[in-house]
Amino acid sequence: MTLFNRGRTNPELFPEVERLRGDREAGDLDALRGRTWDAVVDTSAYVPRVARASAELLADAVEHYTFVSSLSVFTPPSKQGLTEQDPVSTIADETSEDVQAHYGPLKALCEHAVAEAMPGALDPAAVETNMVYVDTESVGMEPLDAIAGLREQRVGATFVSGKVRMVTHVDVTDRDIEAAIAAWRTVAGAAREEGR
């Protein structure tokens, strides 16, 4: 396993794995040149220029490339029952890099940039997200307690943007999502009982 990042936030984490330093935003990908890997998991491209540069560099260096996108690519992103056939957000100026204003459309363009750089590696129409967010405050529970309770129910979770996100990505079925929601109901129900 190899981690590639700028080394600015918690650079001491994961000392047991190889760590390569660079800055994708600045185009500093030199540490990746001339290397090969079985797979890549790209979690941090927000503008197509950055996604494309990494995917083009690694196109012949990896067997599998996973690009982590976002529910925000869809229009509207909050619609219940979204599928890969739903409309994707677009932007008039595809050269914009204003992530704050155009997060969803830029992530959609990143999907296409990766697909163009690695033909056959990614079908943007088949990209789907299966993340479940819950608000722990509504049941009077601290996020870390909720995550621990979900772990006891065998559901992975993390704290993101003020909410607990159950980590459910690729190859997750509707049944798996229902199990994650049922686990949350168990944890939230216990918190409500405890609060009485």
Protein backbone atom coordinates (compact mmCIF):
# COMPACT_ATOMS: atom_id res chain seq x y z
CA MET A 1 0.00 0.00 0.00
CA THR A 2 1.17 3.50 -0.85
CA LEU A 3 -0.29 6.83 0.26
CA PHE A 4 0.26 9.87 -1.96
CA ASN A 5 -0.44 13.29 -0.48
CA ARG A 6 1.14 16.62 0.45
CA GLY A 7 2.16 15.41 3.91
CA ARG A 8 0.68 18.47 5.63
CA THR A 9 -2.05 16.96 7.80
CA ASN A 10 -1.01 14.24 10.24
CA PRO A 11 2.03 13.14 8.19
CA GLU A 12 3.00 10.69 10.94
CA LEU A 13 -0.11 8.55 10.40
CA PHE A 14 0.29 5.05 8.97
CA PRO A 15 4.07 4.68 9.41
CA GLU A 16 3.85 1.07 8.23
CA VAL A 17 2.92 2.02 4.65
CA GLU A 18 4.93 3.72 1.93
CA ARG A 19 4.22 7.45 1.80
CA LEU A 20 4.91 9.50 -1.32
CA ARG A 21 4.73 13.28 -1.29
CA GLY A 22 3.45 15.56 -4.01
CA ASP A 23 0.78 18.16 -4.72
CA ARG A 24 -1.84 17.29 -7.31
CA GLU A 25 -3.24 20.81 -7.38
CA ALA A 26 0.21 22.18 -8.32
CA GLY A 27 0.80 19.36 -10.83
CA ASP A 28 3.57 17.79 -8.72
CA LEU A 29 3.08 14.09 -9.50
CA ASP A 30 6.76 13.20 -9.90
CA ALA A 31 6.76 10.72 -7.01
CA LEU A 32 4.26 8.58 -8.97
CA ARG A 33 6.26 8.42 -12.21
CA GLY A 34 7.82 5.11 -13.23
CA ARG A 35 5.92 3.09 -10.64
CA THR A 36 3.16 0.47 -10.91
CA TRP A 37 0.34 -0.55 -8.59
CA ASP A 38 -2.48 -3.08 -8.71
CA ALA A 39 -5.11 -0.44 -7.97
CA VAL A 40 -5.66 3.23 -7.20
CA VAL A 41 -8.36 4.74 -5.01
CA ASP A 42 -8.64 8.43 -5.87
CA THR A 43 -10.47 10.26 -3.10
CA SER A 44 -9.39 13.85 -3.55
CA ALA A 45 -9.92 15.21 -7.07
CA TYR A 46 -12.38 18.10 -7.14
CA VAL A 47 -11.56 19.69 -10.50
CA PRO A 48 -11.21 17.89 -13.84
CA ARG A 49 -7.68 19.19 -14.52
CA VAL A 50 -6.40 17.43 -11.39
CA ALA A 51 -8.40 14.22 -11.98
CA ARG A 52 -7.26 14.03 -15.60
CA ALA A 53 -3.56 14.61 -14.83
CA SER A 54 -3.44 11.81 -12.26
CA ALA A 55 -5.46 9.37 -14.37
CA GLU A 56 -3.37 10.05 -17.49
CA LEU A 57 -0.13 9.55 -15.59
CA LEU A 58 -1.34 6.30 -14.03
CA ALA A 59 -3.26 4.90 -17.03
CA ASP A 60 -0.52 2.40 -17.88
CA ALA A 61 0.69 1.97 -14.31
CA VAL A 62 -2.39 0.45 -12.66
CA GLU A 63 -4.82 -2.36 -13.37
CA HIS A 64 -7.77 -0.77 -11.59
CA TYR A 65 -8.66 2.88 -10.91
CA THR A 66 -11.45 3.78 -8.49
CA PHE A 67 -12.56 7.39 -8.48
CA VAL A 68 -14.63 8.35 -5.43
CA SER A 69 -17.29 10.74 -6.61
CA SER A 70 -20.24 12.32 -4.82
CA LEU A 71 -24.01 12.20 -4.63
CA SER A 72 -23.77 15.91 -5.47
CA VAL A 73 -23.20 15.07 -9.15
CA PHE A 74 -26.93 14.44 -9.49
CA THR A 75 -29.64 17.05 -10.06
CA PRO A 76 -31.11 17.39 -7.49
CA PRO A 77 -28.70 15.53 -5.15
CA SER A 78 -31.27 15.22 -2.36
CA LYS A 79 -33.88 13.33 -4.38
CA GLN A 80 -34.81 10.00 -2.80
CA GLY A 81 -34.29 6.88 -4.88
CA LEU A 82 -31.55 8.25 -7.13
CA THR A 83 -30.16 5.86 -9.73
CA GLU A 84 -27.35 6.13 -12.26
CA GLN A 85 -29.99 7.06 -14.86
CA ASP A 86 -30.85 10.32 -13.06
CA PRO A 87 -29.66 13.62 -14.58
CA VAL A 88 -26.15 14.78 -13.71
CA SER A 89 -25.31 18.39 -12.84
CA THR A 90 -23.71 20.48 -15.56
CA ILE A 91 -21.84 23.76 -15.68
CA ALA A 92 -21.69 26.29 -18.53
CA ASP A 93 -17.99 27.08 -18.03
CA GLU A 94 -16.28 23.69 -17.81
CA THR A 95 -12.94 25.41 -17.17
CA SER A 96 -14.16 26.85 -13.86
CA GLU A 97 -12.35 25.60 -10.77
CA ASP A 98 -14.66 27.29 -8.26
CA VAL A 99 -15.37 24.22 -6.15
CA GLN A 100 -17.46 26.16 -3.61
CA ALA A 101 -19.89 27.32 -6.31
CA HIS A 102 -19.86 24.24 -8.56
CA TYR A 103 -18.95 21.21 -6.44
CA GLY A 104 -21.43 18.75 -8.01
CA PRO A 105 -20.86 19.64 -11.67
CA LEU A 106 -17.07 19.66 -11.18
CA LYS A 107 -17.16 16.18 -9.60
CA ALA A 108 -19.23 14.99 -12.59
CA LEU A 109 -16.59 16.46 -14.92
CA CYS A 110 -13.90 14.68 -12.88
CA GLU A 111 -15.70 11.37 -13.52
CA HIS A 112 -15.58 12.08 -17.26
CA ALA A 113 -11.93 13.18 -17.13
CA VAL A 114 -10.96 9.86 -15.51
CA ALA A 115 -13.09 7.91 -18.00
CA GLU A 116 -11.42 9.69 -20.94
CA ALA A 117 -7.91 9.14 -19.55
CA MET A 118 -8.56 5.45 -18.86
CA PRO A 119 -10.99 4.13 -21.49
CA GLY A 120 -12.93 1.18 -20.15
CA ALA A 121 -11.83 1.79 -16.57
CA LEU A 122 -14.80 3.90 -15.54
CA ASP A 123 -18.32 4.24 -16.85
CA PRO A 124 -19.62 7.52 -15.38
CA ALA A 125 -23.20 6.41 -16.01
CA ALA A 126 -22.65 3.43 -13.69
CA VAL A 127 -21.17 5.43 -10.80
CA GLU A 128 -23.51 5.26 -7.85
CA THR A 129 -23.23 6.21 -4.21
CA ASN A 130 -24.70 4.35 -1.26
CA MET A 131 -23.87 6.59 1.67
CA VAL A 132 -26.27 6.98 4.57
CA TYR A 133 -25.99 10.11 6.75
CA VAL A 134 -27.57 10.42 10.18
CA ASP A 135 -27.93 13.34 12.58
CA THR A 136 -26.94 12.14 16.04
CA GLU A 137 -27.95 15.42 17.71
CA SER A 138 -31.62 14.62 17.10
CA VAL A 139 -31.37 11.68 19.51
CA GLY A 140 -29.07 13.47 21.99
CA MET A 141 -26.03 11.39 21.11
CA GLU A 142 -22.41 12.38 20.59
CA PRO A 143 -21.08 11.41 17.14
CA LEU A 144 -18.27 9.23 18.53
CA ASP A 145 -20.76 7.33 20.69
CA ALA A 146 -22.95 6.78 17.64
CA ILE A 147 -19.98 5.49 15.65
CA ALA A 148 -19.06 3.10 18.47
CA GLY A 149 -22.67 1.87 18.65
CA LEU A 150 -22.80 1.34 14.91
CA ARG A 151 -19.53 -0.57 15.06
CA GLU A 152 -21.16 -2.94 17.58
CA GLN A 153 -23.89 -3.45 14.96
CA ARG A 154 -21.12 -4.26 12.40
CA VAL A 155 -21.62 -1.05 10.42
CA GLY A 156 -18.63 1.19 9.70
CA ALA A 157 -19.14 4.92 10.11
CA THR A 158 -17.22 8.17 10.28
CA PHE A 159 -17.91 11.79 11.23
CA VAL A 160 -18.21 14.09 8.20
CA SER A 161 -19.46 17.69 8.03
CA GLY A 162 -21.37 17.53 11.29
CA LYS A 163 -23.09 14.22 10.58
CA VAL A 164 -22.28 10.56 10.95
CA ARG A 165 -21.76 8.87 7.59
CA MET A 166 -22.14 5.14 7.38
CA VAL A 167 -19.38 3.93 5.10
CA THR A 168 -21.22 2.02 2.42
CA HIS A 169 -19.77 2.35 -1.07
CA VAL A 170 -19.26 0.06 -4.07
CA ASP A 171 -21.02 -3.30 -4.33
CA VAL A 172 -23.57 -2.40 -1.70
CA THR A 173 -27.09 -3.61 -2.30
CA ASP A 174 -30.39 -2.07 -1.21
CA ARG A 175 -30.47 -4.80 1.43
CA ASP A 176 -27.11 -3.60 2.80
CA ILE A 177 -28.45 -0.03 2.98
CA GLU A 178 -31.53 -1.26 4.81
CA ALA A 179 -29.25 -3.11 7.27
CA ALA A 180 -27.26 0.10 7.89
CA ILE A 181 -30.47 2.03 8.52
CA ALA A 182 -31.75 -0.71 10.84
CA ALA A 183 -28.46 -0.58 12.76
CA TRP A 184 -28.86 3.18 13.18
CA ARG A 185 -32.42 2.72 14.43
CA THR A 186 -31.11 0.26 17.05
CA VAL A 187 -28.36 2.66 18.17
CA ALA A 188 -30.66 5.71 18.15
CA GLY A 189 -33.39 3.81 19.99
CA ALA A 190 -30.95 2.84 22.72
CA ALA A 191 -29.82 6.47 23.01
CA ARG A 192 -33.41 7.66 23.34
CA GLU A 193 -34.14 5.08 26.04
CA GLU A 194 -30.99 6.08 27.92
CA GLY A 195 -32.00 9.75 27.74
CA ARG A 196 -35.40 9.16 29.37
